[in-house]
Amino acid sequence: MLNLGMAKPSDPIRVSELAEFVYCRRAWWLKMVRKAPSCPQAREAQSEGEIWHQEQGSRIARTDALSGAGYSALLIALLLLVLAVWGWLR
């Protein structure tokens, strides 16, 4: 086997750790790097953080939907304008 000078990690990264990191980097850092114990206040803060993340996701989804509706309305308005100008020029 060819070794290109890349060291093997002593602890492989588990998929659950990667998912936790992607979900909230700060929570992953506190748990994995700082080894912060999970106290009642931390669990409460995590619950509040999860609620905040869910609200943000809802806001983003709503913004995406409204943005799509806005582009559709703009396209329809442009089409009607083109038809009106075409009808006026005839």
PDB file of N, CA and C in Angstrom:
ATOM      1  N   MET A   1       0.840  -1.174   0.000  1.00  0.00           N
ATOM      2  CA  MET A   1       0.000   0.000   0.000  1.00  0.00           C
ATOM      3  C   MET A   1       0.887   1.241   0.000  1.00  0.00           C
ATOM      4  N   LEU A   2       0.529   2.197  -0.798  1.00  0.00           N
ATOM      5  CA  LEU A   2       1.319   3.413  -0.963  1.00  0.00           C
ATOM      6  C   LEU A   2       0.953   4.412   0.121  1.00  0.00           C
ATOM      7  N   ASN A   3       1.933   4.873   0.889  1.00  0.00           N
ATOM      8  CA  ASN A   3       1.702   5.881   1.920  1.00  0.00           C
ATOM      9  C   ASN A   3       2.193   7.218   1.383  1.00  0.00           C
ATOM     10  N   LEU A   4       1.288   8.156   1.243  1.00  0.00           N
ATOM     11  CA  LEU A   4       1.650   9.463   0.694  1.00  0.00           C
ATOM     12  C   LEU A   4       1.933  10.479   1.781  1.00  0.00           C
ATOM     13  N   GLY A   5       2.343  10.008   2.942  1.00  0.00           N
ATOM     14  CA  GLY A   5       2.665  10.917   4.018  1.00  0.00           C
ATOM     15  C   GLY A   5       1.451  11.395   4.802  1.00  0.00           C
ATOM     16  N   MET A   6       0.320  10.790   4.568  1.00  0.00           N
ATOM     17  CA  MET A   6      -0.892  11.193   5.269  1.00  0.00           C
ATOM     18  C   MET A   6      -1.039  10.332   6.519  1.00  0.00           C
ATOM     19  N   ALA A   7      -1.128  10.980   7.635  1.00  0.00           N
ATOM     20  CA  ALA A   7      -1.266  10.253   8.893  1.00  0.00           C
ATOM     21  C   ALA A   7      -2.687   9.756   9.053  1.00  0.00           C
ATOM     22  N   LYS A   8      -2.826   8.591   9.661  1.00  0.00           N
ATOM     23  CA  LYS A   8      -4.150   8.063   9.953  1.00  0.00           C
ATOM     24  C   LYS A   8      -4.676   8.751  11.211  1.00  0.00           C
ATOM     25  N   PRO A   9      -5.948   9.111  11.203  1.00  0.00           N
ATOM     26  CA  PRO A   9      -6.496   9.723  12.416  1.00  0.00           C
ATOM     27  C   PRO A   9      -6.579   8.682  13.526  1.00  0.00           C
ATOM     28  N   SER A  10      -6.314   9.123  14.749  1.00  0.00           N
ATOM     29  CA  SER A  10      -6.377   8.183  15.863  1.00  0.00           C
ATOM     30  C   SER A  10      -7.817   7.778  16.152  1.00  0.00           C
ATOM     31  N   ASP A  11      -8.749   8.688  15.973  1.00  0.00           N
ATOM     32  CA  ASP A  11     -10.167   8.397  16.160  1.00  0.00           C
ATOM     33  C   ASP A  11     -10.910   8.767  14.886  1.00  0.00           C
ATOM     34  N   PRO A  12     -11.502   7.785  14.223  1.00  0.00           N
ATOM     35  CA  PRO A  12     -12.240   8.120  12.999  1.00  0.00           C
ATOM     36  C   PRO A  12     -13.470   8.968  13.320  1.00  0.00           C
ATOM     37  N   ILE A  13     -13.880   9.752  12.364  1.00  0.00           N
ATOM     38  CA  ILE A  13     -15.057  10.594  12.540  1.00  0.00           C
ATOM     39  C   ILE A  13     -16.290   9.764  12.242  1.00  0.00           C
ATOM     40  N   ARG A  14     -17.206   9.727  13.185  1.00  0.00           N
ATOM     41  CA  ARG A  14     -18.449   8.992  12.998  1.00  0.00           C
ATOM     42  C   ARG A  14     -19.446   9.878  12.250  1.00  0.00           C
ATOM     43  N   VAL A  15     -20.365   9.237  11.552  1.00  0.00           N
ATOM     44  CA  VAL A  15     -21.371   9.968  10.788  1.00  0.00           C
ATOM     45  C   VAL A  15     -22.234  10.816  11.722  1.00  0.00           C
ATOM     46  N   SER A  16     -22.543  10.296  12.893  1.00  0.00           N
ATOM     47  CA  SER A  16     -23.366  11.058  13.837  1.00  0.00           C
ATOM     48  C   SER A  16     -22.647  12.333  14.278  1.00  0.00           C
ATOM     49  N   GLU A  17     -21.320  12.263  14.447  1.00  0.00           N
ATOM     50  CA  GLU A  17     -20.553  13.462  14.798  1.00  0.00           C
ATOM     51  C   GLU A  17     -20.578  14.471  13.659  1.00  0.00           C
ATOM     52  N   LEU A  18     -20.443  13.977  12.443  1.00  0.00           N
ATOM     53  CA  LEU A  18     -20.475  14.862  11.289  1.00  0.00           C
ATOM     54  C   LEU A  18     -21.840  15.544  11.177  1.00  0.00           C
ATOM     55  N   ALA A  19     -22.907  14.773  11.383  1.00  0.00           N
ATOM     56  CA  ALA A  19     -24.255  15.347  11.327  1.00  0.00           C
ATOM     57  C   ALA A  19     -24.440  16.391  12.420  1.00  0.00           C
ATOM     58  N   GLU A  20     -23.929  16.110  13.599  1.00  0.00           N
ATOM     59  CA  GLU A  20     -24.030  17.075  14.699  1.00  0.00           C
ATOM     60  C   GLU A  20     -23.245  18.350  14.372  1.00  0.00           C
ATOM     61  N   PHE A  21     -22.079  18.192  13.767  1.00  0.00           N
ATOM     62  CA  PHE A  21     -21.266  19.348  13.378  1.00  0.00           C
ATOM     63  C   PHE A  21     -21.987  20.195  12.336  1.00  0.00           C
ATOM     64  N   VAL A  22     -22.583  19.544  11.339  1.00  0.00           N
ATOM     65  CA  VAL A  22     -23.294  20.274  10.285  1.00  0.00           C
ATOM     66  C   VAL A  22     -24.503  20.978  10.871  1.00  0.00           C
ATOM     67  N   TYR A  23     -25.188  20.326  11.809  1.00  0.00           N
ATOM     68  CA  TYR A  23     -26.394  20.912  12.403  1.00  0.00           C
ATOM     69  C   TYR A  23     -26.053  22.148  13.240  1.00  0.00           C
ATOM     70  N   CYS A  24     -25.034  22.010  14.110  1.00  0.00           N
ATOM     71  CA  CYS A  24     -24.651  23.153  14.949  1.00  0.00           C
ATOM     72  C   CYS A  24     -23.185  23.007  15.332  1.00  0.00           C
ATOM     73  N   ARG A  25     -22.348  23.785  14.687  1.00  0.00           N
ATOM     74  CA  ARG A  25     -20.901  23.695  14.922  1.00  0.00           C
ATOM     75  C   ARG A  25     -20.538  24.019  16.364  1.00  0.00           C
ATOM     76  N   ARG A  26     -21.232  24.975  16.945  1.00  0.00           N
ATOM     77  CA  ARG A  26     -20.918  25.390  18.309  1.00  0.00           C
ATOM     78  C   ARG A  26     -21.201  24.260  19.299  1.00  0.00           C
ATOM     79  N   ALA A  27     -22.342  23.594  19.138  1.00  0.00           N
ATOM     80  CA  ALA A  27     -22.681  22.479  20.029  1.00  0.00           C
ATOM     81  C   ALA A  27     -21.661  21.350  19.879  1.00  0.00           C
ATOM     82  N   TRP A  28     -21.255  21.072  18.644  1.00  0.00           N
ATOM     83  CA  TRP A  28     -20.255  20.038  18.423  1.00  0.00           C
ATOM     84  C   TRP A  28     -18.942  20.405  19.097  1.00  0.00           C
ATOM     85  N   TRP A  29     -18.533  21.668  18.957  1.00  0.00           N
ATOM     86  CA  TRP A  29     -17.277  22.119  19.545  1.00  0.00           C
ATOM     87  C   TRP A  29     -17.320  22.008  21.063  1.00  0.00           C
ATOM     88  N   LEU A  30     -18.430  22.439  21.643  1.00  0.00           N
ATOM     89  CA  LEU A  30     -18.550  22.359  23.105  1.00  0.00           C
ATOM     90  C   LEU A  30     -18.481  20.916  23.583  1.00  0.00           C
ATOM     91  N   LYS A  31     -19.125  20.027  22.856  1.00  0.00           N
ATOM     92  CA  LYS A  31     -19.162  18.620  23.272  1.00  0.00           C
ATOM     93  C   LYS A  31     -17.841  17.902  23.011  1.00  0.00           C
ATOM     94  N   MET A  32     -17.275  18.071  21.805  1.00  0.00           N
ATOM     95  CA  MET A  32     -16.127  17.275  21.408  1.00  0.00           C
ATOM     96  C   MET A  32     -14.782  17.899  21.783  1.00  0.00           C
ATOM     97  N   VAL A  33     -14.673  19.208  21.729  1.00  0.00           N
ATOM     98  CA  VAL A  33     -13.391  19.859  21.990  1.00  0.00           C
ATOM     99  C   VAL A  33     -13.286  20.288  23.448  1.00  0.00           C
ATOM    100  N   ARG A  34     -14.282  21.010  23.905  1.00  0.00           N
ATOM    101  CA  ARG A  34     -14.246  21.504  25.282  1.00  0.00           C
ATOM    102  C   ARG A  34     -14.654  20.449  26.302  1.00  0.00           C
ATOM    103  N   LYS A  35     -15.276  19.364  25.815  1.00  0.00           N
ATOM    104  CA  LYS A  35     -15.755  18.281  26.691  1.00  0.00           C
ATOM    105  C   LYS A  35     -16.671  18.837  27.774  1.00  0.00           C
ATOM    106  N   ALA A  36     -17.503  19.794  27.375  1.00  0.00           N
ATOM    107  CA  ALA A  36     -18.415  20.440  28.318  1.00  0.00           C
ATOM    108  C   ALA A  36     -19.465  19.443  28.793  1.00  0.00           C
ATOM    109  N   PRO A  37     -19.662  19.361  30.110  1.00  0.00           N
ATOM    110  CA  PRO A  37     -20.673  18.435  30.617  1.00  0.00           C
ATOM    111  C   PRO A  37     -22.070  18.931  30.268  1.00  0.00           C
ATOM    112  N   SER A  38     -22.972  18.002  30.144  1.00  0.00           N
ATOM    113  CA  SER A  38     -24.351  18.342  29.818  1.00  0.00           C
ATOM    114  C   SER A  38     -25.115  18.585  31.110  1.00  0.00           C
ATOM    115  N   CYS A  39     -25.265  19.847  31.465  1.00  0.00           N
ATOM    116  CA  CYS A  39     -25.981  20.214  32.679  1.00  0.00           C
ATOM    117  C   CYS A  39     -27.422  20.596  32.310  1.00  0.00           C
ATOM    118  N   PRO A  40     -28.304  20.739  33.281  1.00  0.00           N
ATOM    119  CA  PRO A  40     -29.686  21.116  32.968  1.00  0.00           C
ATOM    120  C   PRO A  40     -29.784  22.420  32.181  1.00  0.00           C
ATOM    121  N   GLN A  41     -28.934  23.388  32.503  1.00  0.00           N
ATOM    122  CA  GLN A  41     -28.960  24.651  31.782  1.00  0.00           C
ATOM    123  C   GLN A  41     -28.552  24.446  30.314  1.00  0.00           C
ATOM    124  N   ALA A  42     -27.577  23.561  30.098  1.00  0.00           N
ATOM    125  CA  ALA A  42     -27.135  23.286  28.733  1.00  0.00           C
ATOM    126  C   ALA A  42     -28.245  22.593  27.951  1.00  0.00           C
ATOM    127  N   ARG A  43     -28.931  21.657  28.588  1.00  0.00           N
ATOM    128  CA  ARG A  43     -30.041  20.978  27.903  1.00  0.00           C
ATOM    129  C   ARG A  43     -31.160  21.965  27.589  1.00  0.00           C
ATOM    130  N   GLU A  44     -31.431  22.897  28.513  1.00  0.00           N
ATOM    131  CA  GLU A  44     -32.454  23.910  28.265  1.00  0.00           C
ATOM    132  C   GLU A  44     -32.030  24.825  27.117  1.00  0.00           C
ATOM    133  N   ALA A  45     -30.761  25.220  27.129  1.00  0.00           N
ATOM    134  CA  ALA A  45     -30.251  26.062  26.042  1.00  0.00           C
ATOM    135  C   ALA A  45     -30.313  25.316  24.716  1.00  0.00           C
ATOM    136  N   GLN A  46     -30.038  24.016  24.746  1.00  0.00           N
ATOM    137  CA  GLN A  46     -30.114  23.227  23.522  1.00  0.00           C
ATOM    138  C   GLN A  46     -31.546  23.167  23.014  1.00  0.00           C
ATOM    139  N   SER A  47     -32.512  23.009  23.921  1.00  0.00           N
ATOM    140  CA  SER A  47     -33.921  23.009  23.515  1.00  0.00           C
ATOM    141  C   SER A  47     -34.294  24.335  22.872  1.00  0.00           C
ATOM    142  N   GLU A  48     -33.860  25.424  23.499  1.00  0.00           N
ATOM    143  CA  GLU A  48     -34.136  26.751  22.940  1.00  0.00           C
ATOM    144  C   GLU A  48     -33.463  26.915  21.577  1.00  0.00           C
ATOM    145  N   GLY A  49     -32.256  26.389  21.472  1.00  0.00           N
ATOM    146  CA  GLY A  49     -31.547  26.459  20.196  1.00  0.00           C
ATOM    147  C   GLY A  49     -32.238  25.652  19.112  1.00  0.00           C
ATOM    148  N   GLU A  50     -32.755  24.491  19.469  1.00  0.00           N
ATOM    149  CA  GLU A  50     -33.474  23.667  18.491  1.00  0.00           C
ATOM    150  C   GLU A  50     -34.729  24.388  18.020  1.00  0.00           C
ATOM    151  N   ILE A  51     -35.446  25.016  18.952  1.00  0.00           N
ATOM    152  CA  ILE A  51     -36.642  25.783  18.584  1.00  0.00           C
ATOM    153  C   ILE A  51     -36.254  26.920  17.650  1.00  0.00           C
ATOM    154  N   TRP A  52     -35.163  27.620  17.981  1.00  0.00           N
ATOM    155  CA  TRP A  52     -34.693  28.729  17.141  1.00  0.00           C
ATOM    156  C   TRP A  52     -34.362  28.232  15.736  1.00  0.00           C
ATOM    157  N   HIS A  53     -33.663  27.087  15.651  1.00  0.00           N
ATOM    158  CA  HIS A  53     -33.302  26.531  14.352  1.00  0.00           C
ATOM    159  C   HIS A  53     -34.548  26.160  13.549  1.00  0.00           C
ATOM    160  N   GLN A  54     -35.550  25.596  14.198  1.00  0.00           N
ATOM    161  CA  GLN A  54     -36.786  25.239  13.507  1.00  0.00           C
ATOM    162  C   GLN A  54     -37.494  26.490  12.988  1.00  0.00           C
ATOM    163  N   GLU A  55     -37.530  27.533  13.810  1.00  0.00           N
ATOM    164  CA  GLU A  55     -38.153  28.793  13.375  1.00  0.00           C
ATOM    165  C   GLU A  55     -37.405  29.382  12.183  1.00  0.00           C
ATOM    166  N   GLN A  56     -36.088  29.346  12.224  1.00  0.00           N
ATOM    167  CA  GLN A  56     -35.287  29.862  11.117  1.00  0.00           C
ATOM    168  C   GLN A  56     -35.570  29.065   9.842  1.00  0.00           C
ATOM    169  N   GLY A  57     -35.660  27.745   9.983  1.00  0.00           N
ATOM    170  CA  GLY A  57     -35.967  26.907   8.821  1.00  0.00           C
ATOM    171  C   GLY A  57     -37.322  27.255   8.228  1.00  0.00           C
ATOM    172  N   SER A  58     -38.301  27.505   9.087  1.00  0.00           N
ATOM    173  CA  SER A  58     -39.634  27.898   8.613  1.00  0.00           C
ATOM    174  C   SER A  58     -39.579  29.238   7.890  1.00  0.00           C
ATOM    175  N   ARG A  59     -38.827  30.170   8.453  1.00  0.00           N
ATOM    176  CA  ARG A  59     -38.699  31.487   7.819  1.00  0.00           C
ATOM    177  C   ARG A  59     -38.033  31.385   6.448  1.00  0.00           C
ATOM    178  N   ILE A  60     -37.014  30.572   6.365  1.00  0.00           N
ATOM    179  CA  ILE A  60     -36.317  30.400   5.094  1.00  0.00           C
ATOM    180  C   ILE A  60     -37.233  29.757   4.066  1.00  0.00           C
ATOM    181  N   ALA A  61     -37.986  28.736   4.474  1.00  0.00           N
ATOM    182  CA  ALA A  61     -38.914  28.083   3.559  1.00  0.00           C
ATOM    183  C   ALA A  61     -39.976  29.070   3.079  1.00  0.00           C
ATOM    184  N   ARG A  62     -40.490  29.886   4.000  1.00  0.00           N
ATOM    185  CA  ARG A  62     -41.503  30.881   3.631  1.00  0.00           C
ATOM    186  C   ARG A  62     -40.910  31.917   2.677  1.00  0.00           C
ATOM    187  N   THR A  63     -39.692  32.354   2.942  1.00  0.00           N
ATOM    188  CA  THR A  63     -39.021  33.321   2.071  1.00  0.00           C
ATOM    189  C   THR A  63     -38.817  32.741   0.678  1.00  0.00           C
ATOM    190  N   ASP A  64     -38.406  31.478   0.607  1.00  0.00           N
ATOM    191  CA  ASP A  64     -38.218  30.830  -0.690  1.00  0.00           C
ATOM    192  C   ASP A  64     -39.535  30.770  -1.465  1.00  0.00           C
ATOM    193  N   ALA A  65     -40.622  30.436  -0.761  1.00  0.00           N
ATOM    194  CA  ALA A  65     -41.929  30.347  -1.421  1.00  0.00           C
ATOM    195  C   ALA A  65     -42.369  31.719  -1.926  1.00  0.00           C
ATOM    196  N   LEU A  66     -42.202  32.736  -1.101  1.00  0.00           N
ATOM    197  CA  LEU A  66     -42.592  34.086  -1.515  1.00  0.00           C
ATOM    198  C   LEU A  66     -41.722  34.593  -2.659  1.00  0.00           C
ATOM    199  N   SER A  67     -40.466  34.251  -2.640  1.00  0.00           N
ATOM    200  CA  SER A  67     -39.565  34.648  -3.711  1.00  0.00           C
ATOM    201  C   SER A  67     -40.003  34.009  -5.032  1.00  0.00           C
ATOM    202  N   GLY A  68     -40.340  32.740  -4.986  1.00  0.00           N
ATOM    203  CA  GLY A  68     -40.821  32.054  -6.187  1.00  0.00           C
ATOM    204  C   GLY A  68     -42.112  32.666  -6.698  1.00  0.00           C
ATOM    205  N   ALA A  69     -43.012  33.013  -5.778  1.00  0.00           N
ATOM    206  CA  ALA A  69     -44.272  33.652  -6.172  1.00  0.00           C
ATOM    207  C   ALA A  69     -43.999  35.021  -6.788  1.00  0.00           C
ATOM    208  N   GLY A  70     -43.046  35.747  -6.245  1.00  0.00           N
ATOM    209  CA  GLY A  70     -42.693  37.063  -6.790  1.00  0.00           C
ATOM    210  C   GLY A  70     -42.138  36.964  -8.201  1.00  0.00           C
ATOM    211  N   TYR A  71     -41.258  35.991  -8.435  1.00  0.00           N
ATOM    212  CA  TYR A  71     -40.712  35.803  -9.778  1.00  0.00           C
ATOM    213  C   TYR A  71     -41.805  35.391 -10.759  1.00  0.00           C
ATOM    214  N   SER A  72     -42.731  34.553 -10.297  1.00  0.00           N
ATOM    215  CA  SER A  72     -43.847  34.154 -11.162  1.00  0.00           C
ATOM    216  C   SER A  72     -44.707  35.352 -11.519  1.00  0.00           C
ATOM    217  N   ALA A  73     -45.015  36.200 -10.542  1.00  0.00           N
ATOM    218  CA  ALA A  73     -45.823  37.399 -10.799  1.00  0.00           C
ATOM    219  C   ALA A  73     -45.097  38.336 -11.768  1.00  0.00           C
ATOM    220  N   LEU A  74     -43.793  38.474 -11.609  1.00  0.00           N
ATOM    221  CA  LEU A  74     -43.016  39.319 -12.513  1.00  0.00           C
ATOM    222  C   LEU A  74     -43.057  38.773 -13.934  1.00  0.00           C
ATOM    223  N   LEU A  75     -42.922  37.481 -14.078  1.00  0.00           N
ATOM    224  CA  LEU A  75     -42.967  36.856 -15.399  1.00  0.00           C
ATOM    225  C   LEU A  75     -44.334  37.061 -16.055  1.00  0.00           C
ATOM    226  N   ILE A  76     -45.396  36.894 -15.294  1.00  0.00           N
ATOM    227  CA  ILE A  76     -46.747  37.105 -15.829  1.00  0.00           C
ATOM    228  C   ILE A  76     -46.930  38.569 -16.231  1.00  0.00           C
ATOM    229  N   ALA A  77     -46.460  39.501 -15.406  1.00  0.00           N
ATOM    230  CA  ALA A  77     -46.578  40.925 -15.725  1.00  0.00           C
ATOM    231  C   ALA A  77     -45.819  41.264 -17.004  1.00  0.00           C
ATOM    232  N   LEU A  78     -44.638  40.721 -17.163  1.00  0.00           N
ATOM    233  CA  LEU A  78     -43.861  40.969 -18.388  1.00  0.00           C
ATOM    234  C   LEU A  78     -44.562  40.386 -19.609  1.00  0.00           C
ATOM    235  N   LEU A  79     -45.129  39.209 -19.457  1.00  0.00           N
ATOM    236  CA  LEU A  79     -45.855  38.588 -20.560  1.00  0.00           C
ATOM    237  C   LEU A  79     -47.060  39.440 -20.954  1.00  0.00           C
ATOM    238  N   LEU A  80     -47.806  39.925 -19.958  1.00  0.00           N
ATOM    239  CA  LEU A  80     -48.954  40.791 -20.245  1.00  0.00           C
ATOM    240  C   LEU A  80     -48.519  42.105 -20.896  1.00  0.00           C
ATOM    241  N   LEU A  81     -47.414  42.643 -20.470  1.00  0.00           N
ATOM    242  CA  LEU A  81     -46.883  43.870 -21.072  1.00  0.00           C
ATOM    243  C   LEU A  81     -46.524  43.649 -22.536  1.00  0.00           C
ATOM    244  N   VAL A  82     -45.856  42.534 -22.812  1.00  0.00           N
ATOM    245  CA  VAL A  82     -45.479  42.208 -24.194  1.00  0.00           C
ATOM    246  C   VAL A  82     -46.733  42.049 -25.041  1.00  0.00           C
ATOM    247  N   LEU A  83     -47.731  41.353 -24.519  1.00  0.00           N
ATOM    248  CA  LEU A  83     -48.985  41.177 -25.264  1.00  0.00           C
ATOM    249  C   LEU A  83     -49.693  42.514 -25.493  1.00  0.00           C
ATOM    250  N   ALA A  84     -49.684  43.389 -24.501  1.00  0.00           N
ATOM    251  CA  ALA A  84     -50.331  44.694 -24.643  1.00  0.00           C
ATOM    252  C   ALA A  84     -49.612  45.535 -25.698  1.00  0.00           C
ATOM    253  N   VAL A  85     -48.309  45.568 -25.674  1.00  0.00           N
ATOM    254  CA  VAL A  85     -47.538  46.326 -26.652  1.00  0.00           C
ATOM    255  C   VAL A  85     -47.745  45.737 -28.041  1.00  0.00           C
ATOM    256  N   TRP A  86     -47.729  44.434 -28.135  1.00  0.00           N
ATOM    257  CA  TRP A  86     -47.939  43.763 -29.434  1.00  0.00           C
ATOM    258  C   TRP A  86     -49.324  44.097 -29.975  1.00  0.00           C
ATOM    259  N   GLY A  87     -50.346  44.081 -29.102  1.00  0.00           N
ATOM    260  CA  GLY A  87     -51.712  44.426 -29.525  1.00  0.00           C
ATOM    261  C   GLY A  87     -51.835  45.901 -29.919  1.00  0.00           C
ATOM    262  N   TRP A  88     -51.133  46.759 -29.259  1.00  0.00           N
ATOM    263  CA  TRP A  88     -51.184  48.193 -29.551  1.00  0.00           C
ATOM    264  C   TRP A  88     -50.502  48.499 -30.880  1.00  0.00           C
ATOM    265  N   LEU A  89     -49.419  47.782 -31.178  1.00  0.00           N
ATOM    266  CA  LEU A  89     -48.686  48.007 -32.434  1.00  0.00           C
ATOM    267  C   LEU A  89     -49.394  47.438 -33.635  1.00  0.00           C
ATOM    268  N   ARG A  90     -50.287  46.516 -33.464  1.00  0.00           N
ATOM    269  CA  ARG A  90     -50.998  45.913 -34.608  1.00  0.00           C
ATOM    270  C   ARG A  90     -51.972  46.828 -35.177  1.00  0.00           C
TER     271      ARG A  90
END
